[in-house]
Amino acid sequence: MAGIVETDELGRRIRKCRLESRMTLKMVERVAGLSATHLSEIERGRTSPTIGALVRVARALERDASYFIEPEDLSEVAHQTWDRVSRITPAEGITAEVLTPGIPGGRIYAYRFQFEPGRAAGVKLPARDIPGDAIYYVRRGAIEAEFGDRRLRLDAGDTAQATFNVPHHLKSANGEAVEMIAILTRSFAEPS
């Protein structure tokens, strides 16, 4: 099948992750609900797991299932030079730079937002019934933030954390230039 790894590579990745997690086959068996014998066969590349079995193994190893099947190199460390930063425009007068390319199966995303002076637009994330949250750190300027019913003013050096269960609305206070770092447990660019 194009686009995913071969059975032996899948097994190698599962075994490597299991050993790094210091788990025995029996430990994974208890958490994933698959027999240690079947897990051993998967690790040796003699059989491939069903999608359901792969998801259960991934959860047992605290990874996203995509970590095991994505064809690109699955580095544990992501590095990005400044000249390769991608930029998005969430609203007119606001730019966001993606600070890390991410790690396959990773669950954290970092952005640097810049609000141009004199703009009234803001960054909005609708409430979603999903696990996760965001941390906002204002480096320069001031932000007026609304997290559900809670209203805050964040000045330079201030931080706020909010779950995705409430809407997030952040805009420049007094229309001044703002630089803000956002760390989210889901991608800002992910569709709502």
C-alpha atoms as a PDB file:
ATOM      1  CA  MET A   1       0.000   0.000   0.000  1.00  0.00           C
ATOM      2  CA  ALA A   2       1.526   3.355  -1.029  1.00  0.00           C
ATOM      3  CA  GLY A   3       2.025   6.026   1.576  1.00  0.00           C
ATOM      4  CA  ILE A   4       2.557   3.824   4.630  1.00  0.00           C
ATOM      5  CA  VAL A   5       5.452   1.735   5.881  1.00  0.00           C
ATOM      6  CA  GLU A   6       5.946  -1.963   5.228  1.00  0.00           C
ATOM      7  CA  THR A   7       4.962  -4.557   7.856  1.00  0.00           C
ATOM      8  CA  ASP A   8       8.539  -5.162   9.037  1.00  0.00           C
ATOM      9  CA  GLU A   9       9.181  -1.420   9.504  1.00  0.00           C
ATOM     10  CA  LEU A  10       5.889  -1.040  11.385  1.00  0.00           C
ATOM     11  CA  GLY A  11       6.923  -3.865  13.720  1.00  0.00           C
ATOM     12  CA  ARG A  12      10.377  -2.351  14.228  1.00  0.00           C
ATOM     13  CA  ARG A  13       8.850   1.001  15.190  1.00  0.00           C
ATOM     14  CA  ILE A  14       6.415  -0.589  17.655  1.00  0.00           C
ATOM     15  CA  ARG A  15       9.206  -2.619  19.288  1.00  0.00           C
ATOM     16  CA  LYS A  16      11.507   0.425  19.502  1.00  0.00           C
ATOM     17  CA  CYS A  17       8.778   2.514  21.122  1.00  0.00           C
ATOM     18  CA  ARG A  18       7.828  -0.302  23.526  1.00  0.00           C
ATOM     19  CA  LEU A  19      11.444  -0.746  24.644  1.00  0.00           C
ATOM     20  CA  GLU A  20      11.924   3.018  25.018  1.00  0.00           C
ATOM     21  CA  SER A  21       8.791   3.050  27.187  1.00  0.00           C
ATOM     22  CA  ARG A  22      10.311   0.206  29.249  1.00  0.00           C
ATOM     23  CA  MET A  23       7.274  -1.972  28.690  1.00  0.00           C
ATOM     24  CA  THR A  24       7.228  -5.737  28.303  1.00  0.00           C
ATOM     25  CA  LEU A  25       4.997  -7.519  25.810  1.00  0.00           C
ATOM     26  CA  LYS A  26       2.835  -8.614  28.756  1.00  0.00           C
ATOM     27  CA  MET A  27       2.402  -4.994  29.886  1.00  0.00           C
ATOM     28  CA  VAL A  28       1.275  -3.947  26.414  1.00  0.00           C
ATOM     29  CA  GLU A  29      -0.971  -7.037  26.292  1.00  0.00           C
ATOM     30  CA  ARG A  30      -2.809  -5.901  29.447  1.00  0.00           C
ATOM     31  CA  VAL A  31      -3.308  -2.335  28.238  1.00  0.00           C
ATOM     32  CA  ALA A  32      -4.045  -3.028  24.560  1.00  0.00           C
ATOM     33  CA  GLY A  33      -6.079  -6.205  25.016  1.00  0.00           C
ATOM     34  CA  LEU A  34      -3.995  -8.147  22.463  1.00  0.00           C
ATOM     35  CA  SER A  35      -2.067 -11.316  23.229  1.00  0.00           C
ATOM     36  CA  ALA A  36       1.680 -11.035  23.804  1.00  0.00           C
ATOM     37  CA  THR A  37       2.147 -13.697  21.114  1.00  0.00           C
ATOM     38  CA  HIS A  38       0.260 -11.617  18.558  1.00  0.00           C
ATOM     39  CA  LEU A  39       2.205  -8.491  19.590  1.00  0.00           C
ATOM     40  CA  SER A  40       5.468 -10.398  19.138  1.00  0.00           C
ATOM     41  CA  GLU A  41       4.405 -11.476  15.643  1.00  0.00           C
ATOM     42  CA  ILE A  42       3.607  -7.847  14.775  1.00  0.00           C
ATOM     43  CA  GLU A  43       6.971  -6.647  16.120  1.00  0.00           C
ATOM     44  CA  ARG A  44       8.840  -9.264  14.078  1.00  0.00           C
ATOM     45  CA  GLY A  45       7.006  -8.199  10.910  1.00  0.00           C
ATOM     46  CA  ARG A  46       5.345 -11.579  10.467  1.00  0.00           C
ATOM     47  CA  THR A  47       1.840 -10.145  10.562  1.00  0.00           C
ATOM     48  CA  SER A  48       0.296  -6.716  10.318  1.00  0.00           C
ATOM     49  CA  PRO A  49      -2.244  -5.480  12.854  1.00  0.00           C
ATOM     50  CA  THR A  50      -5.767  -4.436  12.003  1.00  0.00           C
ATOM     51  CA  ILE A  51      -6.431  -0.708  12.269  1.00  0.00           C
ATOM     52  CA  GLY A  52      -8.240  -1.281  15.564  1.00  0.00           C
ATOM     53  CA  ALA A  53      -5.336  -3.297  16.972  1.00  0.00           C
ATOM     54  CA  LEU A  54      -2.829  -0.644  15.849  1.00  0.00           C
ATOM     55  CA  VAL A  55      -4.860   2.061  17.567  1.00  0.00           C
ATOM     56  CA  ARG A  56      -4.965   0.025  20.812  1.00  0.00           C
ATOM     57  CA  VAL A  57      -1.198  -0.627  20.674  1.00  0.00           C
ATOM     58  CA  ALA A  58      -0.541   3.067  19.981  1.00  0.00           C
ATOM     59  CA  ARG A  59      -2.674   4.088  22.972  1.00  0.00           C
ATOM     60  CA  ALA A  60      -0.863   1.582  25.187  1.00  0.00           C
ATOM     61  CA  LEU A  61       2.441   3.143  24.108  1.00  0.00           C
ATOM     62  CA  GLU A  62       0.998   6.676  24.467  1.00  0.00           C
ATOM     63  CA  ARG A  63       1.502   7.515  20.797  1.00  0.00           C
ATOM     64  CA  ASP A  64      -0.700   8.493  17.917  1.00  0.00           C
ATOM     65  CA  ALA A  65      -1.226   5.563  15.519  1.00  0.00           C
ATOM     66  CA  SER A  66       0.133   7.710  12.674  1.00  0.00           C
ATOM     67  CA  TYR A  67       3.518   7.680  14.425  1.00  0.00           C
ATOM     68  CA  PHE A  68       3.933   4.046  13.399  1.00  0.00           C
ATOM     69  CA  ILE A  69       2.772   4.197   9.789  1.00  0.00           C
ATOM     70  CA  GLU A  70       3.864   7.571   8.372  1.00  0.00           C
ATOM     71  CA  PRO A  71       6.476   6.971   5.682  1.00  0.00           C
ATOM     72  CA  GLU A  72       8.767   9.892   6.563  1.00  0.00           C
ATOM     73  CA  ASP A  73      11.581   9.697   9.071  1.00  0.00           C
ATOM     74  CA  LEU A  74      10.066   9.671  12.548  1.00  0.00           C
ATOM     75  CA  SER A  75      12.556  11.848  14.365  1.00  0.00           C
ATOM     76  CA  GLU A  76      12.044  12.361  18.071  1.00  0.00           C
ATOM     77  CA  VAL A  77      13.399  15.895  17.693  1.00  0.00           C
ATOM     78  CA  ALA A  78      12.027  18.561  15.367  1.00  0.00           C
ATOM     79  CA  HIS A  79      14.249  21.452  14.320  1.00  0.00           C
ATOM     80  CA  GLN A  80      13.354  24.377  12.136  1.00  0.00           C
ATOM     81  CA  THR A  81      15.549  27.259  11.047  1.00  0.00           C
ATOM     82  CA  TRP A  82      14.106  30.755  10.886  1.00  0.00           C
ATOM     83  CA  ASP A  83      14.298  30.883   7.085  1.00  0.00           C
ATOM     84  CA  ARG A  84      11.973  27.835   6.820  1.00  0.00           C
ATOM     85  CA  VAL A  85       9.204  29.155   9.087  1.00  0.00           C
ATOM     86  CA  SER A  86       5.777  28.964   7.455  1.00  0.00           C
ATOM     87  CA  ARG A  87       3.351  31.820   7.967  1.00  0.00           C
ATOM     88  CA  ILE A  88      -0.419  31.940   8.087  1.00  0.00           C
ATOM     89  CA  THR A  89      -2.810  34.902   8.268  1.00  0.00           C
ATOM     90  CA  PRO A  90      -5.643  34.078  10.686  1.00  0.00           C
ATOM     91  CA  ALA A  91      -7.171  37.559  10.272  1.00  0.00           C
ATOM     92  CA  GLU A  92      -6.357  40.780   8.438  1.00  0.00           C
ATOM     93  CA  GLY A  93      -3.486  42.522  10.207  1.00  0.00           C
ATOM     94  CA  ILE A  94      -2.427  39.397  12.112  1.00  0.00           C
ATOM     95  CA  THR A  95       0.290  36.963  11.087  1.00  0.00           C
ATOM     96  CA  ALA A  96       1.157  33.690  12.764  1.00  0.00           C
ATOM     97  CA  GLU A  97       4.451  31.905  12.304  1.00  0.00           C
ATOM     98  CA  VAL A  98       4.550  28.159  12.858  1.00  0.00           C
ATOM     99  CA  LEU A  99       7.520  27.751  15.216  1.00  0.00           C
ATOM    100  CA  THR A 100       8.027  24.013  14.874  1.00  0.00           C
ATOM    101  CA  PRO A 101       7.397  21.551  12.053  1.00  0.00           C
ATOM    102  CA  GLY A 102       6.081  19.085  14.644  1.00  0.00           C
ATOM    103  CA  ILE A 103       6.943  15.514  15.440  1.00  0.00           C
ATOM    104  CA  PRO A 104       4.898  12.701  13.871  1.00  0.00           C
ATOM    105  CA  GLY A 105       2.275  11.736  16.419  1.00  0.00           C
ATOM    106  CA  GLY A 106       3.097  14.834  18.474  1.00  0.00           C
ATOM    107  CA  ARG A 107       0.380  16.764  20.253  1.00  0.00           C
ATOM    108  CA  ILE A 108       1.861  20.223  20.738  1.00  0.00           C
ATOM    109  CA  TYR A 109       1.973  23.185  18.380  1.00  0.00           C
ATOM    110  CA  ALA A 110       3.781  26.519  18.818  1.00  0.00           C
ATOM    111  CA  TYR A 111       3.015  29.805  17.075  1.00  0.00           C
ATOM    112  CA  ARG A 112       4.291  33.373  17.189  1.00  0.00           C
ATOM    113  CA  PHE A 113       1.455  35.848  16.555  1.00  0.00           C
ATOM    114  CA  GLN A 114       2.047  39.443  15.534  1.00  0.00           C
ATOM    115  CA  PHE A 115      -0.773  41.986  15.563  1.00  0.00           C
ATOM    116  CA  GLU A 116      -0.197  45.081  13.441  1.00  0.00           C
ATOM    117  CA  PRO A 117      -0.945  48.392  15.196  1.00  0.00           C
ATOM    118  CA  GLY A 118      -4.302  50.007  14.521  1.00  0.00           C
ATOM    119  CA  ARG A 119      -6.154  46.786  13.662  1.00  0.00           C
ATOM    120  CA  ALA A 120      -9.312  45.715  15.480  1.00  0.00           C
ATOM    121  CA  ALA A 121      -9.271  42.098  14.282  1.00  0.00           C
ATOM    122  CA  GLY A 122      -8.490  39.281  16.644  1.00  0.00           C
ATOM    123  CA  VAL A 123      -7.710  35.603  16.810  1.00  0.00           C
ATOM    124  CA  LYS A 124     -10.746  33.393  17.450  1.00  0.00           C
ATOM    125  CA  LEU A 125     -10.968  29.708  18.276  1.00  0.00           C
ATOM    126  CA  PRO A 126     -14.491  28.328  18.697  1.00  0.00           C
ATOM    127  CA  ALA A 127     -15.348  26.129  21.668  1.00  0.00           C
ATOM    128  CA  ARG A 128     -14.891  22.458  20.896  1.00  0.00           C
ATOM    129  CA  ASP A 129     -15.660  19.368  22.902  1.00  0.00           C
ATOM    130  CA  ILE A 130     -12.123  18.014  22.625  1.00  0.00           C
ATOM    131  CA  PRO A 131      -9.396  17.467  25.198  1.00  0.00           C
ATOM    132  CA  GLY A 132      -6.585  19.969  25.248  1.00  0.00           C
ATOM    133  CA  ASP A 133      -5.777  23.550  25.958  1.00  0.00           C
ATOM    134  CA  ALA A 134      -3.707  26.547  24.979  1.00  0.00           C
ATOM    135  CA  ILE A 135      -1.162  28.732  26.740  1.00  0.00           C
ATOM    136  CA  TYR A 136      -0.718  32.318  25.594  1.00  0.00           C
ATOM    137  CA  TYR A 137       2.342  34.413  26.513  1.00  0.00           C
ATOM    138  CA  VAL A 138       2.424  38.113  25.599  1.00  0.00           C
ATOM    139  CA  ARG A 139       5.978  39.197  24.753  1.00  0.00           C
ATOM    140  CA  ARG A 140       5.200  42.763  23.666  1.00  0.00           C
ATOM    141  CA  GLY A 141       2.098  44.951  23.830  1.00  0.00           C
ATOM    142  CA  ALA A 142      -1.182  44.008  25.504  1.00  0.00           C
ATOM    143  CA  ILE A 143      -4.015  41.632  24.672  1.00  0.00           C
ATOM    144  CA  GLU A 144      -7.688  41.703  25.589  1.00  0.00           C
ATOM    145  CA  ALA A 145      -8.664  38.061  25.978  1.00  0.00           C
ATOM    146  CA  GLU A 146     -12.027  36.372  26.337  1.00  0.00           C
ATOM    147  CA  PHE A 147     -12.212  32.723  27.327  1.00  0.00           C
ATOM    148  CA  GLY A 148     -15.901  31.906  27.484  1.00  0.00           C
ATOM    149  CA  ASP A 149     -17.331  34.332  30.074  1.00  0.00           C
ATOM    150  CA  ARG A 150     -13.915  35.223  31.498  1.00  0.00           C
ATOM    151  CA  ARG A 151     -12.325  38.490  30.325  1.00  0.00           C
ATOM    152  CA  LEU A 152      -8.650  39.218  30.945  1.00  0.00           C
ATOM    153  CA  ARG A 153      -6.101  41.831  29.997  1.00  0.00           C
ATOM    154  CA  LEU A 154      -2.685  40.334  29.321  1.00  0.00           C
ATOM    155  CA  ASP A 155       0.222  42.775  29.379  1.00  0.00           C
ATOM    156  CA  ALA A 156       3.805  42.037  28.304  1.00  0.00           C
ATOM    157  CA  GLY A 157       5.075  39.106  30.379  1.00  0.00           C
ATOM    158  CA  ASP A 158       1.575  37.869  31.299  1.00  0.00           C
ATOM    159  CA  THR A 159       0.278  34.397  30.464  1.00  0.00           C
ATOM    160  CA  ALA A 160      -3.113  32.702  30.332  1.00  0.00           C
ATOM    161  CA  GLN A 161      -4.163  29.084  29.887  1.00  0.00           C
ATOM    162  CA  ALA A 162      -7.603  27.928  28.741  1.00  0.00           C
ATOM    163  CA  THR A 163      -9.211  24.660  27.673  1.00  0.00           C
ATOM    164  CA  PHE A 164     -10.735  24.222  24.225  1.00  0.00           C
ATOM    165  CA  ASN A 165     -14.140  23.662  25.870  1.00  0.00           C
ATOM    166  CA  VAL A 166     -14.594  27.461  25.893  1.00  0.00           C
ATOM    167  CA  PRO A 167     -14.185  29.873  22.955  1.00  0.00           C
ATOM    168  CA  HIS A 168     -10.937  31.855  22.776  1.00  0.00           C
ATOM    169  CA  HIS A 169     -10.931  35.425  21.457  1.00  0.00           C
ATOM    170  CA  LEU A 170      -7.733  37.476  21.628  1.00  0.00           C
ATOM    171  CA  LYS A 171      -7.294  40.981  20.246  1.00  0.00           C
ATOM    172  CA  SER A 172      -4.884  43.850  20.633  1.00  0.00           C
ATOM    173  CA  ALA A 173      -5.671  46.144  23.533  1.00  0.00           C
ATOM    174  CA  ASN A 174      -5.873  49.778  22.386  1.00  0.00           C
ATOM    175  CA  GLY A 175      -4.943  48.797  18.818  1.00  0.00           C
ATOM    176  CA  GLU A 176      -1.240  48.592  19.634  1.00  0.00           C
ATOM    177  CA  ALA A 177       1.330  46.249  18.088  1.00  0.00           C
ATOM    178  CA  VAL A 178       1.461  42.907  19.865  1.00  0.00           C
ATOM    179  CA  GLU A 179       3.748  39.890  19.816  1.00  0.00           C
ATOM    180  CA  MET A 180       2.357  36.763  21.448  1.00  0.00           C
ATOM    181  CA  ILE A 181       3.533  33.148  21.694  1.00  0.00           C
ATOM    182  CA  ALA A 182       0.808  30.480  21.689  1.00  0.00           C
ATOM    183  CA  ILE A 183       1.365  26.836  22.632  1.00  0.00           C
ATOM    184  CA  LEU A 184      -1.614  24.653  21.726  1.00  0.00           C
ATOM    185  CA  THR A 185      -2.375  20.968  22.071  1.00  0.00           C
ATOM    186  CA  ARG A 186      -4.034  21.001  18.655  1.00  0.00           C
ATOM    187  CA  SER A 187      -3.103  22.737  15.429  1.00  0.00           C
ATOM    188  CA  PHE A 188      -4.349  26.303  15.009  1.00  0.00           C
ATOM    189  CA  ALA A 189      -4.837  25.556  11.310  1.00  0.00           C
ATOM    190  CA  GLU A 190      -6.993  22.477  12.072  1.00  0.00           C
ATOM    191  CA  PRO A 191     -10.536  22.880  10.746  1.00  0.00           C
ATOM    192  CA  SER A 192     -13.216  23.660  13.319  1.00  0.00           C
END
